[in-house]
Amino acid sequence: MSPDVMTWTLALTLVAPLQPAADRCGPEARAALEAVTAAAARGDYAEAARQAATSDAPAAGCDTLRLAAWSWHGWNAAVAAADRGGSPEALAPVSAAVEAVTALGPPRSPAAYVAALLRAAAAAAQDERDEMRLWLEEARAISMRLALVGAAPAVPFGIDVAEGELWHGVDDYELAEAAFTRALAATETPAAWRGLARARDRRGNRAGACDAYRHVADALAGHAAPGPLAAEARGYLLLCTR
């Protein structure tokens, strides 16, 4: 276990139980958070990031929205860093995001959950699977703890969708499929169905992928802003026969 993970784990065991913070988020901030969550659920990650970033400054004082903005900034930076080989320079924005979100809450908080996810994403960008797994375990432990006293954290994703995305990113499609299956057992979203579809496709299960993409298409049919997954599903379904 790395020193960072050991330090993080020790902090989790020593800190007092999380106390709910006062809600300083006004109606505009809460509406923005709902828009961010909805965009992420339908798989429009670019729109989720845009909504969070553009709404953050006007809603100063809403730490939940600030957390959402930094979470998407860090997550997207990690995805981009993976395309550049996970170099230290490419991962610098992820480190900045981890530092920023860590300041927004103590261990066992939604901020700690996001920090663990971003560390996992940074490890994935470097193809450090063991390190990624350790940080995912930390994120899951925090998520489970928070779910005992309220809602499980969902920024930028719930734990199962996040895990599915990261395992897919390091080409372990069996674990990605298992994670997205767990996510769908809890809440069916176009993003989770799309994750399952991609994992099944990579594992050679064309029929299963077609079924999952049909769920994506059905969920987004008639949506005012269907986002990129609607087009992706339509394109894949051209290869499918019922």
Protein backbone atom coordinates (compact mmCIF):
# COMPACT_ATOMS: atom_id res chain seq x y z
CA MET A 1 0.00 0.00 0.00
CA SER A 2 1.38 3.41 -0.92
CA PRO A 3 2.12 6.06 1.76
CA ASP A 4 -0.69 8.26 0.41
CA VAL A 5 -3.25 5.50 0.77
CA MET A 6 -1.99 4.55 4.24
CA THR A 7 -2.25 8.16 5.39
CA TRP A 8 -5.74 8.48 3.95
CA THR A 9 -6.88 5.25 5.58
CA LEU A 10 -5.50 6.30 8.96
CA ALA A 11 -7.34 9.61 8.74
CA LEU A 12 -10.57 7.76 8.00
CA THR A 13 -10.22 5.64 11.10
CA LEU A 14 -9.37 8.49 13.46
CA VAL A 15 -11.75 11.23 12.42
CA ALA A 16 -15.01 11.83 14.26
CA PRO A 17 -18.27 10.98 12.45
CA LEU A 18 -19.28 13.44 9.78
CA GLN A 19 -21.63 16.17 10.94
CA PRO A 20 -24.04 17.61 8.37
CA ALA A 21 -23.04 21.07 7.20
CA ALA A 22 -25.50 23.91 6.95
CA ASP A 23 -27.04 24.25 3.51
CA ARG A 24 -25.76 27.50 2.08
CA CYS A 25 -26.92 26.71 -1.43
CA GLY A 26 -29.70 28.95 -2.66
CA PRO A 27 -32.41 28.06 -5.18
CA GLU A 28 -30.23 28.93 -8.19
CA ALA A 29 -27.38 26.78 -6.94
CA ARG A 30 -29.71 23.86 -6.22
CA ALA A 31 -31.20 24.16 -9.71
CA ALA A 32 -27.69 24.14 -11.17
CA LEU A 33 -26.82 21.03 -9.16
CA GLU A 34 -29.92 19.29 -10.47
CA ALA A 35 -28.90 20.20 -14.02
CA VAL A 36 -25.39 18.83 -13.44
CA THR A 37 -26.76 15.58 -12.02
CA ALA A 38 -29.25 15.18 -14.86
CA ALA A 39 -26.60 15.76 -17.53
CA ALA A 40 -24.30 13.19 -15.92
CA ALA A 41 -27.13 10.64 -15.68
CA ARG A 42 -27.85 10.91 -19.39
CA GLY A 43 -24.15 10.58 -20.18
CA ASP A 44 -23.56 14.13 -21.33
CA TYR A 45 -20.39 14.61 -19.32
CA ALA A 46 -19.28 17.67 -21.24
CA GLU A 47 -22.56 19.41 -20.39
CA ALA A 48 -22.30 18.34 -16.74
CA ALA A 49 -18.85 19.89 -16.55
CA ARG A 50 -20.01 23.05 -18.31
CA GLN A 51 -23.02 23.47 -16.04
CA ALA A 52 -20.92 23.03 -12.92
CA ALA A 53 -18.19 25.41 -14.05
CA THR A 54 -20.45 28.20 -15.25
CA SER A 55 -22.70 28.02 -12.18
CA ASP A 56 -19.95 27.90 -9.55
CA ALA A 57 -18.89 31.56 -9.35
CA PRO A 58 -22.43 33.05 -9.33
CA ALA A 59 -23.34 30.69 -6.49
CA ALA A 60 -20.43 31.60 -4.24
CA GLY A 61 -20.80 30.00 -0.83
CA CYS A 62 -22.39 26.79 -2.13
CA ASP A 63 -19.65 24.29 -1.37
CA THR A 64 -21.68 21.47 -2.93
CA LEU A 65 -21.69 23.22 -6.29
CA ARG A 66 -18.02 24.14 -5.93
CA LEU A 67 -17.30 20.48 -5.25
CA ALA A 68 -19.19 19.50 -8.39
CA ALA A 69 -17.21 22.00 -10.47
CA TRP A 70 -13.85 20.77 -9.17
CA SER A 71 -14.87 17.12 -9.46
CA TRP A 72 -15.64 17.47 -13.15
CA HIS A 73 -12.54 19.58 -13.74
CA GLY A 74 -10.37 16.90 -12.17
CA TRP A 75 -12.16 13.95 -13.77
CA ASN A 76 -11.94 15.37 -17.29
CA ALA A 77 -8.30 16.29 -16.72
CA ALA A 78 -7.58 12.68 -15.73
CA VAL A 79 -9.29 11.39 -18.88
CA ALA A 80 -7.24 13.79 -20.98
CA ALA A 81 -4.06 12.81 -19.13
CA ALA A 82 -4.65 9.16 -19.98
CA ASP A 83 -4.47 10.07 -23.67
CA ARG A 84 -1.07 11.68 -22.98
CA GLY A 85 0.39 8.71 -21.15
CA GLY A 86 -0.36 9.98 -17.66
CA SER A 87 2.65 12.30 -17.54
CA PRO A 88 3.15 14.45 -14.43
CA GLU A 89 2.51 17.57 -16.49
CA ALA A 90 -0.78 16.16 -17.81
CA LEU A 91 -1.85 15.14 -14.31
CA ALA A 92 -1.06 18.51 -12.70
CA PRO A 93 -4.70 19.72 -13.08
CA VAL A 94 -5.89 16.56 -11.34
CA SER A 95 -3.55 17.21 -8.42
CA ALA A 96 -4.86 20.77 -8.23
CA ALA A 97 -8.44 19.48 -8.16
CA VAL A 98 -7.63 16.98 -5.40
CA GLU A 99 -6.11 19.79 -3.33
CA ALA A 100 -9.14 22.00 -3.93
CA VAL A 101 -11.76 19.40 -3.03
CA THR A 102 -9.83 18.23 0.03
CA ALA A 103 -10.22 21.74 1.41
CA LEU A 104 -14.00 21.50 1.01
CA GLY A 105 -14.61 18.82 3.62
CA PRO A 106 -13.13 16.42 6.16
CA PRO A 107 -12.59 12.68 5.71
CA ARG A 108 -15.84 10.71 5.40
CA SER A 109 -17.36 13.66 3.53
CA PRO A 110 -18.49 13.99 -0.09
CA ALA A 111 -15.31 16.01 -0.66
CA ALA A 112 -13.21 13.08 0.58
CA TYR A 113 -15.15 10.79 -1.75
CA VAL A 114 -14.36 13.01 -4.74
CA ALA A 115 -10.70 13.26 -3.73
CA ALA A 116 -10.43 9.46 -3.60
CA LEU A 117 -12.11 9.12 -7.00
CA LEU A 118 -9.79 11.68 -8.57
CA ARG A 119 -6.78 9.88 -7.13
CA ALA A 120 -8.13 6.65 -8.62
CA ALA A 121 -8.61 8.39 -11.98
CA ALA A 122 -5.04 9.71 -11.86
CA ALA A 123 -3.77 6.18 -11.17
CA ALA A 124 -5.86 4.89 -14.08
CA ALA A 125 -4.31 7.51 -16.37
CA GLN A 126 -0.92 6.01 -15.48
CA ASP A 127 -2.24 2.46 -15.86
CA GLU A 128 -1.45 1.86 -12.19
CA ARG A 129 -4.24 -0.62 -11.62
CA ASP A 130 -3.32 -1.67 -8.09
CA GLU A 131 -3.18 1.96 -6.97
CA MET A 132 -6.45 2.66 -8.75
CA ARG A 133 -8.10 -0.28 -7.00
CA LEU A 134 -6.96 0.95 -3.58
CA TRP A 135 -8.40 4.42 -4.11
CA LEU A 136 -11.63 2.94 -5.44
CA GLU A 137 -11.88 0.90 -2.26
CA GLU A 138 -11.44 4.09 -0.24
CA ALA A 139 -14.12 5.85 -2.29
CA ARG A 140 -16.50 2.93 -1.82
CA ALA A 141 -15.91 2.87 1.92
CA ILE A 142 -16.68 6.59 2.15
CA SER A 143 -19.76 6.19 -0.03
CA MET A 144 -21.10 3.37 2.13
CA ARG A 145 -20.45 5.37 5.29
CA LEU A 146 -22.29 8.41 3.94
CA ALA A 147 -25.19 6.29 2.74
CA LEU A 148 -25.78 5.22 6.35
CA VAL A 149 -26.65 8.78 7.38
CA GLY A 150 -28.03 10.23 4.15
CA ALA A 151 -27.62 10.04 0.41
CA ALA A 152 -24.62 8.32 -1.12
CA PRO A 153 -22.35 10.77 -2.96
CA ALA A 154 -23.03 11.13 -6.67
CA VAL A 155 -20.51 13.77 -7.79
CA PRO A 156 -19.16 13.32 -10.38
CA PHE A 157 -20.67 9.81 -10.37
CA GLY A 158 -21.96 7.27 -7.92
CA ILE A 159 -19.33 4.73 -6.94
CA ASP A 160 -20.43 1.94 -9.29
CA VAL A 161 -20.55 4.14 -12.40
CA ALA A 162 -17.19 5.65 -11.46
CA GLU A 163 -15.71 2.19 -11.00
CA GLY A 164 -17.13 1.04 -14.31
CA GLU A 165 -15.69 4.03 -16.14
CA LEU A 166 -12.25 3.53 -14.62
CA TRP A 167 -12.06 -0.21 -15.22
CA HIS A 168 -13.14 0.40 -18.80
CA GLY A 169 -10.40 3.00 -19.09
CA VAL A 170 -7.73 0.44 -18.14
CA ASP A 171 -9.24 -2.19 -20.46
CA ASP A 172 -10.64 -4.55 -17.83
CA TYR A 173 -14.03 -4.98 -19.43
CA GLU A 174 -15.14 -7.84 -17.18
CA LEU A 175 -14.84 -5.69 -14.06
CA ALA A 176 -16.36 -2.75 -15.93
CA GLU A 177 -19.39 -4.84 -16.85
CA ALA A 178 -19.79 -5.99 -13.26
CA ALA A 179 -19.62 -2.41 -11.97
CA PHE A 180 -22.18 -1.08 -14.44
CA THR A 181 -24.46 -4.02 -13.66
CA ARG A 182 -24.35 -3.03 -9.98
CA ALA A 183 -25.05 0.58 -10.91
CA LEU A 184 -28.12 -0.41 -12.90
CA ALA A 185 -29.41 -2.58 -10.07
CA ALA A 186 -29.51 0.57 -7.94
CA THR A 187 -30.63 3.17 -10.50
CA GLU A 188 -31.18 2.84 -14.23
CA THR A 189 -29.64 5.72 -16.15
CA PRO A 190 -28.62 6.11 -19.81
CA ALA A 191 -25.01 6.56 -18.68
CA ALA A 192 -24.97 3.24 -16.84
CA TRP A 193 -26.69 1.43 -19.70
CA ARG A 194 -24.15 2.88 -22.12
CA GLY A 195 -21.30 1.76 -19.89
CA LEU A 196 -22.75 -1.75 -19.83
CA ALA A 197 -23.19 -1.68 -23.61
CA ARG A 198 -19.57 -0.72 -24.23
CA ALA A 199 -18.25 -3.35 -21.82
CA ARG A 200 -20.38 -6.05 -23.41
CA ASP A 201 -19.27 -5.01 -26.88
CA ARG A 202 -15.60 -5.19 -25.87
CA ARG A 203 -16.22 -8.66 -24.46
CA GLY A 204 -17.71 -9.83 -27.76
CA ASN A 205 -21.32 -9.89 -26.56
CA ARG A 206 -22.95 -8.07 -29.47
CA ALA A 207 -26.49 -9.14 -28.56
CA GLY A 208 -26.06 -7.92 -24.99
CA ALA A 209 -24.58 -4.65 -26.19
CA CYS A 210 -27.49 -4.12 -28.56
CA ASP A 211 -29.96 -4.73 -25.74
CA ALA A 212 -28.18 -2.20 -23.52
CA TYR A 213 -28.02 0.41 -26.28
CA ARG A 214 -31.76 -0.05 -26.86
CA HIS A 215 -32.26 0.96 -23.24
CA VAL A 216 -30.14 4.05 -23.88
CA ALA A 217 -32.15 4.97 -26.97
CA ASP A 218 -35.49 4.37 -25.24
CA ALA A 219 -34.50 6.43 -22.19
CA LEU A 220 -33.42 9.39 -24.31
CA ALA A 221 -36.18 9.23 -26.91
CA GLY A 222 -38.05 12.51 -27.06
CA HIS A 223 -35.69 14.16 -24.58
CA ALA A 224 -35.32 17.89 -25.17
CA ALA A 225 -31.52 17.63 -24.84
CA PRO A 226 -30.63 13.97 -25.47
CA GLY A 227 -26.89 14.58 -25.63
CA PRO A 228 -24.21 12.50 -27.34
CA LEU A 229 -25.34 9.09 -26.11
CA ALA A 230 -28.49 9.22 -28.21
CA ALA A 231 -26.44 9.48 -31.40
CA GLU A 232 -24.01 6.82 -30.16
CA ALA A 233 -26.87 4.43 -29.45
CA ARG A 234 -28.50 5.06 -32.82
CA GLY A 235 -25.22 4.41 -34.60
CA TYR A 236 -24.57 1.15 -32.78
CA LEU A 237 -28.12 -0.08 -33.21
CA LEU A 238 -27.66 0.04 -36.98
CA LEU A 239 -25.49 -3.04 -36.46
CA CYS A 240 -28.17 -4.86 -34.49
CA THR A 241 -31.01 -7.11 -35.52
CA ARG A 242 -33.87 -7.97 -33.25
